[in-house]
Each structure stands twice: as C-alpha cells, then as structure tokens.
C-alpha cells in the first residue's frame, strides 16, 4: 500500500509570542503547531488547524466542535503519536 503525502506543510516551533498552540495559513496550505504540545493536545490542535485549512469557510465554533469530536473519537480508539528516531 502506498503512503499518501501529508496534504499540508507542518512547521513545529514555539508559538508563545503568538499566544496560540497552532496557526493555519490557508494561502500557503501551511499549519504551525507549538513544538511543546504532546499527547491528546497535539492531536486536538493538529486536527483544529487541519479543519481550518480543509474548510476555510467554517466558523471557529464549527472547527472547535468538529476537531473536539474527532480527536476524542480517535483517542478513544487508541491512536497516539509515536516519535521514531
């Protein structure tokens, strides 16, 4: 099975100055995630920014609702981020 390439470019960096855990740049199909996020919060914010990029016309409320439901569903199924180096 061939692996699909990530549809968005993802940058990990500290976002303290921006007072955010994630940022979406729709014009560049780019998301930035705070490098300090781990576990469930990483999944939640990655999904949040993904939904902003995938559905730019959705309201912030809609994005929050959908990413929360999706993250909880995936987490309950046992999905976790594993760093392999």
PDB file of N, CA and C in Angstrom:
ATOM      1  N   UNK A   1       0.857  -1.184   0.000  1.00  0.00           N
ATOM      2  CA  UNK A   1       0.000   0.000   0.000  1.00  0.00           C
ATOM      3  C   UNK A   1       0.898   1.241   0.000  1.00  0.00           C
ATOM      4  N   UNK A   2       0.651   2.158  -0.903  1.00  0.00           N
ATOM      5  CA  UNK A   2       1.449   3.374  -0.952  1.00  0.00           C
ATOM      6  C   UNK A   2       0.943   4.374   0.071  1.00  0.00           C
ATOM      7  N   UNK A   3       1.882   5.087   0.649  1.00  0.00           N
ATOM      8  CA  UNK A   3       1.542   6.069   1.658  1.00  0.00           C
ATOM      9  C   UNK A   3       1.274   7.417   0.988  1.00  0.00           C
ATOM     10  N   UNK A   4       0.187   8.075   1.385  1.00  0.00           N
ATOM     11  CA  UNK A   4      -0.120   9.390   0.831  1.00  0.00           C
ATOM     12  C   UNK A   4       0.727  10.436   1.536  1.00  0.00           C
ATOM     13  N   UNK A   5       1.150  11.417   0.775  1.00  0.00           N
ATOM     14  CA  UNK A   5       1.920  12.514   1.328  1.00  0.00           C
ATOM     15  C   UNK A   5       1.001  13.411   2.160  1.00  0.00           C
ATOM     16  N   UNK A   6       1.542  13.960   3.230  1.00  0.00           N
ATOM     17  CA  UNK A   6       0.779  14.870   4.066  1.00  0.00           C
ATOM     18  C   UNK A   6       0.267  16.020   3.191  1.00  0.00           C
ATOM     19  N   UNK A   7      -1.046  16.298   3.225  1.00  0.00           N
ATOM     20  CA  UNK A   7      -1.598  17.332   2.346  1.00  0.00           C
ATOM     21  C   UNK A   7      -1.214  18.753   2.755  1.00  0.00           C
ATOM     22  N   UNK A   8      -0.730  18.925   3.963  1.00  0.00           N
ATOM     23  CA  UNK A   8      -0.355  20.250   4.446  1.00  0.00           C
ATOM     24  C   UNK A   8       1.111  20.245   4.869  1.00  0.00           C
ATOM     25  N   UNK A   9       1.742  21.379   4.713  1.00  0.00           N
ATOM     26  CA  UNK A   9       3.074  21.528   5.269  1.00  0.00           C
ATOM     27  C   UNK A   9       2.885  21.858   6.745  1.00  0.00           C
ATOM     28  N   UNK A  10       3.677  21.218   7.600  1.00  0.00           N
ATOM     29  CA  UNK A  10       3.558  21.417   9.042  1.00  0.00           C
ATOM     30  C   UNK A  10       4.898  21.894   9.580  1.00  0.00           C
ATOM     31  N   UNK A  11       4.851  22.985  10.322  1.00  0.00           N
ATOM     32  CA  UNK A  11       6.041  23.521  10.981  1.00  0.00           C
ATOM     33  C   UNK A  11       5.819  23.431  12.483  1.00  0.00           C
ATOM     34  N   UNK A  12       6.819  22.918  13.192  1.00  0.00           N
ATOM     35  CA  UNK A  12       6.762  22.842  14.651  1.00  0.00           C
ATOM     36  C   UNK A  12       7.725  23.887  15.209  1.00  0.00           C
ATOM     37  N   UNK A  13       7.194  24.795  16.018  1.00  0.00           N
ATOM     38  CA  UNK A  13       8.019  25.817  16.669  1.00  0.00           C
ATOM     39  C   UNK A  13       7.264  26.335  17.875  1.00  0.00           C
ATOM     40  N   UNK A  14       7.962  27.049  18.746  1.00  0.00           N
ATOM     41  CA  UNK A  14       7.312  27.644  19.910  1.00  0.00           C
ATOM     42  C   UNK A  14       6.453  28.814  19.434  1.00  0.00           C
ATOM     43  N   UNK A  15       5.197  28.842  19.880  1.00  0.00           N
ATOM     44  CA  UNK A  15       4.259  29.886  19.454  1.00  0.00           C
ATOM     45  C   UNK A  15       3.858  30.787  20.617  1.00  0.00           C
ATOM     46  N   UNK A  16       4.718  30.933  21.592  1.00  0.00           N
ATOM     47  CA  UNK A  16       4.408  31.751  22.767  1.00  0.00           C
ATOM     48  C   UNK A  16       4.099  33.200  22.424  1.00  0.00           C
ATOM     49  N   UNK A  17       4.879  33.802  21.537  1.00  0.00           N
ATOM     50  CA  UNK A  17       4.649  35.202  21.163  1.00  0.00           C
ATOM     51  C   UNK A  17       3.293  35.390  20.490  1.00  0.00           C
ATOM     52  N   UNK A  18       2.841  34.369  19.782  1.00  0.00           N
ATOM     53  CA  UNK A  18       1.564  34.434  19.083  1.00  0.00           C
ATOM     54  C   UNK A  18       0.389  34.124  20.001  1.00  0.00           C
ATOM     55  N   UNK A  19       0.699  33.663  21.216  1.00  0.00           N
ATOM     56  CA  UNK A  19      -0.338  33.268  22.179  1.00  0.00           C
ATOM     57  C   UNK A  19      -1.301  32.263  21.565  1.00  0.00           C
ATOM     58  N   UNK A  20      -0.717  31.232  20.937  1.00  0.00           N
ATOM     59  CA  UNK A  20      -1.516  30.209  20.262  1.00  0.00           C
ATOM     60  C   UNK A  20      -0.798  28.868  20.388  1.00  0.00           C
ATOM     61  N   UNK A  21      -1.558  27.807  20.225  1.00  0.00           N
ATOM     62  CA  UNK A  21      -0.983  26.462  20.161  1.00  0.00           C
ATOM     63  C   UNK A  21      -0.847  26.015  18.716  1.00  0.00           C
ATOM     64  N   UNK A  22      -1.577  26.677  17.826  1.00  0.00           N
ATOM     65  CA  UNK A  22      -1.495  26.355  16.416  1.00  0.00           C
ATOM     66  C   UNK A  22      -1.968  27.517  15.576  1.00  0.00           C
ATOM     67  N   UNK A  23      -1.471  27.558  14.350  1.00  0.00           N
ATOM     68  CA  UNK A  23      -1.862  28.592  13.395  1.00  0.00           C
ATOM     69  C   UNK A  23      -2.059  27.935  12.036  1.00  0.00           C
ATOM     70  N   UNK A  24      -3.028  28.406  11.287  1.00  0.00           N
ATOM     71  CA  UNK A  24      -3.264  27.909   9.928  1.00  0.00           C
ATOM     72  C   UNK A  24      -3.107  29.053   8.946  1.00  0.00           C
ATOM     73  N   UNK A  25      -2.365  28.796   7.891  1.00  0.00           N
ATOM     74  CA  UNK A  25      -2.149  29.778   6.827  1.00  0.00           C
ATOM     75  C   UNK A  25      -2.737  29.173   5.550  1.00  0.00           C
ATOM     76  N   UNK A  26      -4.003  29.490   5.294  1.00  0.00           N
ATOM     77  CA  UNK A  26      -4.715  28.850   4.182  1.00  0.00           C
ATOM     78  C   UNK A  26      -4.075  29.153   2.826  1.00  0.00           C
ATOM     79  N   UNK A  27      -3.562  30.359   2.653  1.00  0.00           N
ATOM     80  CA  UNK A  27      -2.987  30.728   1.365  1.00  0.00           C
ATOM     81  C   UNK A  27      -1.749  29.896   1.018  1.00  0.00           C
ATOM     82  N   UNK A  28      -1.065  29.377   2.034  1.00  0.00           N
ATOM     83  CA  UNK A  28       0.143  28.570   1.827  1.00  0.00           C
ATOM     84  C   UNK A  28      -0.072  27.090   2.123  1.00  0.00           C
ATOM     85  N   UNK A  29      -1.311  26.713   2.491  1.00  0.00           N
ATOM     86  CA  UNK A  29      -1.614  25.333   2.890  1.00  0.00           C
ATOM     87  C   UNK A  29      -0.621  24.863   3.961  1.00  0.00           C
ATOM     88  N   UNK A  30      -0.413  25.733   4.949  1.00  0.00           N
ATOM     89  CA  UNK A  30       0.607  25.546   5.978  1.00  0.00           C
ATOM     90  C   UNK A  30      -0.014  25.640   7.360  1.00  0.00           C
ATOM     91  N   UNK A  31       0.400  24.755   8.249  1.00  0.00           N
ATOM     92  CA  UNK A  31      -0.001  24.876   9.645  1.00  0.00           C
ATOM     93  C   UNK A  31       1.246  24.911  10.511  1.00  0.00           C
ATOM     94  N   UNK A  32       1.155  25.688  11.573  1.00  0.00           N
ATOM     95  CA  UNK A  32       2.219  25.746  12.560  1.00  0.00           C
ATOM     96  C   UNK A  32       1.657  25.207  13.863  1.00  0.00           C
ATOM     97  N   UNK A  33       2.402  24.313  14.503  1.00  0.00           N
ATOM     98  CA  UNK A  33       1.997  23.746  15.778  1.00  0.00           C
ATOM     99  C   UNK A  33       3.094  24.000  16.794  1.00  0.00           C
ATOM    100  N   UNK A  34       2.686  24.333  18.012  1.00  0.00           N
ATOM    101  CA  UNK A  34       3.664  24.562  19.061  1.00  0.00           C
ATOM    102  C   UNK A  34       4.407  23.258  19.333  1.00  0.00           C
ATOM    103  N   UNK A  35       5.712  23.332  19.307  1.00  0.00           N
ATOM    104  CA  UNK A  35       6.544  22.136  19.467  1.00  0.00           C
ATOM    105  C   UNK A  35       6.440  21.509  20.854  1.00  0.00           C
ATOM    106  N   UNK A  36       5.861  22.214  21.802  1.00  0.00           N
ATOM    107  CA  UNK A  36       5.737  21.683  23.165  1.00  0.00           C
ATOM    108  C   UNK A  36       4.470  20.856  23.370  1.00  0.00           C
ATOM    109  N   UNK A  37       3.589  20.819  22.378  1.00  0.00           N
ATOM    110  CA  UNK A  37       2.369  20.022  22.503  1.00  0.00           C
ATOM    111  C   UNK A  37       2.697  18.534  22.485  1.00  0.00           C
ATOM    112  N   UNK A  38       1.992  17.787  23.311  1.00  0.00           N
ATOM    113  CA  UNK A  38       2.167  16.335  23.338  1.00  0.00           C
ATOM    114  C   UNK A  38       0.802  15.677  23.496  1.00  0.00           C
ATOM    115  N   UNK A  39       0.769  14.387  23.237  1.00  0.00           N
ATOM    116  CA  UNK A  39      -0.401  13.574  23.513  1.00  0.00           C
ATOM    117  C   UNK A  39      -1.690  14.081  22.883  1.00  0.00           C
ATOM    118  N   UNK A  40      -2.739  14.042  23.701  1.00  0.00           N
ATOM    119  CA  UNK A  40      -4.071  14.413  23.230  1.00  0.00           C
ATOM    120  C   UNK A  40      -4.116  15.848  22.706  1.00  0.00           C
ATOM    121  N   UNK A  41      -3.439  16.763  23.395  1.00  0.00           N
ATOM    122  CA  UNK A  41      -3.470  18.168  22.966  1.00  0.00           C
ATOM    123  C   UNK A  41      -2.824  18.345  21.595  1.00  0.00           C
ATOM    124  N   UNK A  42      -1.772  17.574  21.311  1.00  0.00           N
ATOM    125  CA  UNK A  42      -1.163  17.632  19.982  1.00  0.00           C
ATOM    126  C   UNK A  42      -2.178  17.210  18.924  1.00  0.00           C
ATOM    127  N   UNK A  43      -2.862  16.103  19.185  1.00  0.00           N
ATOM    128  CA  UNK A  43      -3.868  15.623  18.237  1.00  0.00           C
ATOM    129  C   UNK A  43      -4.976  16.656  18.056  1.00  0.00           C
ATOM    130  N   UNK A  44      -5.451  17.211  19.150  1.00  0.00           N
ATOM    131  CA  UNK A  44      -6.536  18.183  19.107  1.00  0.00           C
ATOM    132  C   UNK A  44      -6.165  19.398  18.258  1.00  0.00           C
ATOM    133  N   UNK A  45      -4.998  19.975  18.502  1.00  0.00           N
ATOM    134  CA  UNK A  45      -4.614  21.183  17.767  1.00  0.00           C
ATOM    135  C   UNK A  45      -4.209  20.878  16.325  1.00  0.00           C
ATOM    136  N   UNK A  46      -3.637  19.714  16.066  1.00  0.00           N
ATOM    137  CA  UNK A  46      -3.335  19.334  14.683  1.00  0.00           C
ATOM    138  C   UNK A  46      -4.632  19.213  13.889  1.00  0.00           C
ATOM    139  N   UNK A  47      -5.640  18.574  14.482  1.00  0.00           N
ATOM    140  CA  UNK A  47      -6.939  18.471  13.814  1.00  0.00           C
ATOM    141  C   UNK A  47      -7.587  19.840  13.644  1.00  0.00           C
ATOM    142  N   UNK A  48      -7.467  20.683  14.663  1.00  0.00           N
ATOM    143  CA  UNK A  48      -8.054  22.022  14.612  1.00  0.00           C
ATOM    144  C   UNK A  48      -7.502  22.789  13.404  1.00  0.00           C
ATOM    145  N   UNK A  49      -6.190  22.806  13.279  1.00  0.00           N
ATOM    146  CA  UNK A  49      -5.590  23.554  12.163  1.00  0.00           C
ATOM    147  C   UNK A  49      -5.877  22.869  10.830  1.00  0.00           C
ATOM    148  N   UNK A  50      -5.930  21.544  10.824  1.00  0.00           N
ATOM    149  CA  UNK A  50      -6.290  20.812   9.605  1.00  0.00           C
ATOM    150  C   UNK A  50      -7.684  21.226   9.127  1.00  0.00           C
ATOM    151  N   UNK A  51      -8.647  21.307  10.052  1.00  0.00           N
ATOM    152  CA  UNK A  51     -10.008  21.692   9.666  1.00  0.00           C
ATOM    153  C   UNK A  51     -10.048  23.130   9.157  1.00  0.00           C
ATOM    154  N   UNK A  52      -9.234  24.023   9.734  1.00  0.00           N
ATOM    155  CA  UNK A  52      -9.172  25.389   9.210  1.00  0.00           C
ATOM    156  C   UNK A  52      -8.697  25.383   7.756  1.00  0.00           C
ATOM    157  N   UNK A  53      -7.691  24.556   7.463  1.00  0.00           N
ATOM    158  CA  UNK A  53      -7.155  24.501   6.097  1.00  0.00           C
ATOM    159  C   UNK A  53      -8.109  23.802   5.144  1.00  0.00           C
ATOM    160  N   UNK A  54      -8.744  22.754   5.601  1.00  0.00           N
ATOM    161  CA  UNK A  54      -9.628  21.952   4.761  1.00  0.00           C
ATOM    162  C   UNK A  54     -10.978  22.642   4.519  1.00  0.00           C
ATOM    163  N   UNK A  55     -11.455  23.372   5.519  1.00  0.00           N
ATOM    164  CA  UNK A  55     -12.776  24.020   5.448  1.00  0.00           C
ATOM    165  C   UNK A  55     -12.649  25.497   5.860  1.00  0.00           C
ATOM    166  N   UNK A  56     -12.044  26.323   5.023  1.00  0.00           N
ATOM    167  CA  UNK A  56     -11.779  27.719   5.405  1.00  0.00           C
ATOM    168  C   UNK A  56     -13.035  28.555   5.666  1.00  0.00           C
ATOM    169  N   UNK A  57     -14.188  28.108   5.207  1.00  0.00           N
ATOM    170  CA  UNK A  57     -15.418  28.881   5.427  1.00  0.00           C
ATOM    171  C   UNK A  57     -16.124  28.516   6.731  1.00  0.00           C
ATOM    172  N   UNK A  58     -15.660  27.461   7.408  1.00  0.00           N
ATOM    173  CA  UNK A  58     -16.277  27.082   8.682  1.00  0.00           C
ATOM    174  C   UNK A  58     -15.989  28.145   9.725  1.00  0.00           C
ATOM    175  N   UNK A  59     -16.945  28.350  10.622  1.00  0.00           N
ATOM    176  CA  UNK A  59     -16.741  29.275  11.737  1.00  0.00           C
ATOM    177  C   UNK A  59     -15.783  28.639  12.746  1.00  0.00           C
ATOM    178  N   UNK A  60     -15.230  29.460  13.623  1.00  0.00           N
ATOM    179  CA  UNK A  60     -14.350  28.949  14.685  1.00  0.00           C
ATOM    180  C   UNK A  60     -15.097  27.959  15.572  1.00  0.00           C
ATOM    181  N   UNK A  61     -16.366  28.239  15.830  1.00  0.00           N
ATOM    182  CA  UNK A  61     -17.187  27.334  16.658  1.00  0.00           C
ATOM    183  C   UNK A  61     -17.316  25.973  15.996  1.00  0.00           C
ATOM    184  N   UNK A  62     -17.592  25.953  14.700  1.00  0.00           N
ATOM    185  CA  UNK A  62     -17.727  24.696  13.964  1.00  0.00           C
ATOM    186  C   UNK A  62     -16.411  23.921  13.977  1.00  0.00           C
ATOM    187  N   UNK A  63     -15.292  24.616  13.762  1.00  0.00           N
ATOM    188  CA  UNK A  63     -13.979  23.969  13.782  1.00  0.00           C
ATOM    189  C   UNK A  63     -13.727  23.345  15.153  1.00  0.00           C
ATOM    190  N   UNK A  64     -13.993  24.098  16.209  1.00  0.00           N
ATOM    191  CA  UNK A  64     -13.789  23.573  17.569  1.00  0.00           C
ATOM    192  C   UNK A  64     -14.637  22.341  17.837  1.00  0.00           C
ATOM    193  N   UNK A  65     -15.893  22.377  17.442  1.00  0.00           N
ATOM    194  CA  UNK A  65     -16.781  21.243  17.673  1.00  0.00           C
ATOM    195  C   UNK A  65     -16.301  20.008  16.930  1.00  0.00           C
ATOM    196  N   UNK A  66     -15.981  20.166  15.661  1.00  0.00           N
ATOM    197  CA  UNK A  66     -15.589  19.020  14.844  1.00  0.00           C
ATOM    198  C   UNK A  66     -14.240  18.446  15.264  1.00  0.00           C
ATOM    199  N   UNK A  67     -13.271  19.309  15.579  1.00  0.00           N
ATOM    200  CA  UNK A  67     -11.966  18.772  15.968  1.00  0.00           C
ATOM    201  C   UNK A  67     -12.045  18.103  17.331  1.00  0.00           C
ATOM    202  N   UNK A  68     -12.871  18.632  18.214  1.00  0.00           N
ATOM    203  CA  UNK A  68     -13.039  18.022  19.534  1.00  0.00           C
ATOM    204  C   UNK A  68     -13.661  16.634  19.418  1.00  0.00           C
ATOM    205  N   UNK A  69     -14.724  16.517  18.623  1.00  0.00           N
ATOM    206  CA  UNK A  69     -15.378  15.218  18.431  1.00  0.00           C
ATOM    207  C   UNK A  69     -14.426  14.215  17.774  1.00  0.00           C
ATOM    208  N   UNK A  70     -13.705  14.674  16.758  1.00  0.00           N
ATOM    209  CA  UNK A  70     -12.807  13.779  16.026  1.00  0.00           C
ATOM    210  C   UNK A  70     -11.629  13.344  16.898  1.00  0.00           C
ATOM    211  N   UNK A  71     -11.031  14.284  17.631  1.00  0.00           N
ATOM    212  CA  UNK A  71      -9.896  13.944  18.497  1.00  0.00           C
ATOM    213  C   UNK A  71     -10.315  12.963  19.584  1.00  0.00           C
ATOM    214  N   UNK A  72     -11.466  13.194  20.194  1.00  0.00           N
ATOM    215  CA  UNK A  72     -11.946  12.288  21.244  1.00  0.00           C
ATOM    216  C   UNK A  72     -12.199  10.890  20.682  1.00  0.00           C
ATOM    217  N   UNK A  73     -12.811  10.819  19.494  1.00  0.00           N
ATOM    218  CA  UNK A  73     -13.069   9.541  18.832  1.00  0.00           C
ATOM    219  C   UNK A  73     -11.756   8.798  18.560  1.00  0.00           C
ATOM    220  N   UNK A  74     -10.785   9.490  17.958  1.00  0.00           N
ATOM    221  CA  UNK A  74      -9.510   8.861  17.625  1.00  0.00           C
ATOM    222  C   UNK A  74      -8.745   8.436  18.881  1.00  0.00           C
ATOM    223  N   UNK A  75      -8.762   9.285  19.906  1.00  0.00           N
ATOM    224  CA  UNK A  75      -8.054   8.975  21.153  1.00  0.00           C
ATOM    225  C   UNK A  75      -8.668   7.746  21.818  1.00  0.00           C
ATOM    226  N   UNK A  76      -9.989   7.674  21.830  1.00  0.00           N
ATOM    227  CA  UNK A  76     -10.668   6.530  22.438  1.00  0.00           C
ATOM    228  C   UNK A  76     -10.417   5.230  21.673  1.00  0.00           C
ATOM    229  N   UNK A  77     -10.106   5.342  20.381  1.00  0.00           N
ATOM    230  CA  UNK A  77      -9.737   4.162  19.598  1.00  0.00           C
ATOM    231  C   UNK A  77      -8.303   3.714  19.881  1.00  0.00           C
ATOM    232  N   UNK A  78      -7.541   4.575  20.544  1.00  0.00           N
ATOM    233  CA  UNK A  78      -6.169   4.218  20.902  1.00  0.00           C
ATOM    234  C   UNK A  78      -5.090   4.855  20.055  1.00  0.00           C
ATOM    235  N   UNK A  79      -5.463   5.794  19.188  1.00  0.00           N
ATOM    236  CA  UNK A  79      -4.447   6.450  18.372  1.00  0.00           C
ATOM    237  C   UNK A  79      -3.569   7.345  19.232  1.00  0.00           C
ATOM    238  N   UNK A  80      -2.250   7.226  19.011  1.00  0.00           N
ATOM    239  CA  UNK A  80      -1.260   8.014  19.742  1.00  0.00           C
ATOM    240  C   UNK A  80      -0.154   8.403  18.777  1.00  0.00           C
ATOM    241  N   UNK A  81       0.510   9.504  19.073  1.00  0.00           N
ATOM    242  CA  UNK A  81       1.662   9.932  18.274  1.00  0.00           C
ATOM    243  C   UNK A  81       2.893   9.275  18.871  1.00  0.00           C
ATOM    244  N   UNK A  82       3.678   8.640  18.006  1.00  0.00           N
ATOM    245  CA  UNK A  82       4.903   7.993  18.445  1.00  0.00           C
ATOM    246  C   UNK A  82       6.055   8.570  17.640  1.00  0.00           C
ATOM    247  N   UNK A  83       7.065   9.051  18.329  1.00  0.00           N
ATOM    248  CA  UNK A  83       8.248   9.573  17.647  1.00  0.00           C
ATOM    249  C   UNK A  83       9.244   8.441  17.465  1.00  0.00           C
ATOM    250  N   UNK A  84       9.567   8.136  16.221  1.00  0.00           N
ATOM    251  CA  UNK A  84      10.556   7.115  15.913  1.00  0.00           C
ATOM    252  C   UNK A  84      11.773   7.825  15.341  1.00  0.00           C
ATOM    253  N   UNK A  85      12.882   7.678  16.014  1.00  0.00           N
ATOM    254  CA  UNK A  85      14.098   8.382  15.576  1.00  0.00           C
ATOM    255  C   UNK A  85      15.205   7.405  15.322  1.00  0.00           C
TER     256      UNK A  85
END
